[in-house]
Amino acid sequence: MDKYNKKLLWAQGVSDSELVILEEQLDPEELFLVGFLKGFNRKNMMDWNEKELWN
């Protein structure tokens, strides 16, 4: 299993209370995955990702 799939599986199991504790410790890729799986729809995440990465 590659690193991305491991992070995806991990992010699916993060509870809301864990997220509050972990938020400051996560790298941007992990925050992106958790945020995406916690209810952002794909369009919002793509818009955010483009703004953050390309501006």
C-alpha atoms as a PDB file:
ATOM      1  CA  MET A   1       0.000   0.000   0.000  1.00  0.00           C
ATOM      2  CA  ASP A   2       1.454   3.343  -0.975  1.00  0.00           C
ATOM      3  CA  LYS A   3       1.792   6.370   1.286  1.00  0.00           C
ATOM      4  CA  TYR A   4      -1.242   8.137  -0.209  1.00  0.00           C
ATOM      5  CA  ASN A   5      -3.583   5.192   0.364  1.00  0.00           C
ATOM      6  CA  LYS A   6      -2.350   4.817   3.938  1.00  0.00           C
ATOM      7  CA  LYS A   7      -3.075   8.502   4.594  1.00  0.00           C
ATOM      8  CA  LEU A   8      -6.496   8.178   2.987  1.00  0.00           C
ATOM      9  CA  LEU A   9      -7.401   5.256   5.244  1.00  0.00           C
ATOM     10  CA  TRP A  10      -6.024   7.099   8.266  1.00  0.00           C
ATOM     11  CA  ALA A  11      -7.933  10.294   7.461  1.00  0.00           C
ATOM     12  CA  GLN A  12     -11.237   8.413   7.217  1.00  0.00           C
ATOM     13  CA  GLY A  13     -10.880   7.369  10.845  1.00  0.00           C
ATOM     14  CA  VAL A  14     -10.100  10.783  12.364  1.00  0.00           C
ATOM     15  CA  SER A  15     -12.883  11.895  14.682  1.00  0.00           C
ATOM     16  CA  ASP A  16     -13.910  15.526  15.115  1.00  0.00           C
ATOM     17  CA  SER A  17     -12.379  15.670  18.604  1.00  0.00           C
ATOM     18  CA  GLU A  18      -9.105  14.210  17.316  1.00  0.00           C
ATOM     19  CA  LEU A  19      -9.088  16.750  14.504  1.00  0.00           C
ATOM     20  CA  VAL A  20      -9.086  19.643  16.986  1.00  0.00           C
ATOM     21  CA  ILE A  21      -6.038  18.151  18.717  1.00  0.00           C
ATOM     22  CA  LEU A  22      -4.235  17.094  15.533  1.00  0.00           C
ATOM     23  CA  GLU A  23      -4.949  20.141  13.385  1.00  0.00           C
ATOM     24  CA  GLU A  24      -1.761  21.994  14.342  1.00  0.00           C
ATOM     25  CA  GLN A  25       0.384  18.866  13.927  1.00  0.00           C
ATOM     26  CA  LEU A  26      -0.747  17.814  10.452  1.00  0.00           C
ATOM     27  CA  ASP A  27       1.070  18.677   7.252  1.00  0.00           C
ATOM     28  CA  PRO A  28      -0.952  20.402   4.488  1.00  0.00           C
ATOM     29  CA  GLU A  29      -1.529  17.149   2.583  1.00  0.00           C
ATOM     30  CA  GLU A  30      -2.990  15.485   5.685  1.00  0.00           C
ATOM     31  CA  LEU A  31      -5.210  18.478   6.443  1.00  0.00           C
ATOM     32  CA  PHE A  32      -6.423  18.422   2.849  1.00  0.00           C
ATOM     33  CA  LEU A  33      -7.322  14.724   3.054  1.00  0.00           C
ATOM     34  CA  VAL A  34      -9.070  15.035   6.404  1.00  0.00           C
ATOM     35  CA  GLY A  35     -10.944  18.155   5.318  1.00  0.00           C
ATOM     36  CA  PHE A  36     -12.003  16.505   2.088  1.00  0.00           C
ATOM     37  CA  LEU A  37     -13.284  13.424   3.884  1.00  0.00           C
ATOM     38  CA  LYS A  38     -14.995  15.465   6.606  1.00  0.00           C
ATOM     39  CA  GLY A  39     -17.475  17.022   4.207  1.00  0.00           C
ATOM     40  CA  PHE A  40     -15.936  19.415   1.737  1.00  0.00           C
ATOM     41  CA  ASN A  41     -17.223  18.601  -1.685  1.00  0.00           C
ATOM     42  CA  ARG A  42     -14.745  18.082  -4.522  1.00  0.00           C
ATOM     43  CA  LYS A  43     -15.501  21.428  -6.201  1.00  0.00           C
ATOM     44  CA  ASN A  44     -14.815  23.444  -3.032  1.00  0.00           C
ATOM     45  CA  MET A  45     -11.566  21.576  -2.405  1.00  0.00           C
ATOM     46  CA  MET A  46     -10.409  22.041  -6.001  1.00  0.00           C
ATOM     47  CA  ASP A  47     -11.168  25.772  -5.820  1.00  0.00           C
ATOM     48  CA  TRP A  48      -9.290  26.032  -2.515  1.00  0.00           C
ATOM     49  CA  ASN A  49      -6.400  23.955  -3.802  1.00  0.00           C
ATOM     50  CA  GLU A  50      -5.990  26.103  -6.926  1.00  0.00           C
ATOM     51  CA  LYS A  51      -6.032  29.324  -4.911  1.00  0.00           C
ATOM     52  CA  GLU A  52      -3.537  28.020  -2.339  1.00  0.00           C
ATOM     53  CA  LEU A  53      -1.126  26.417  -4.788  1.00  0.00           C
ATOM     54  CA  TRP A  54      -1.168  28.732  -7.779  1.00  0.00           C
ATOM     55  CA  ASN A  55      -1.541  32.236  -6.307  1.00  0.00           C
END
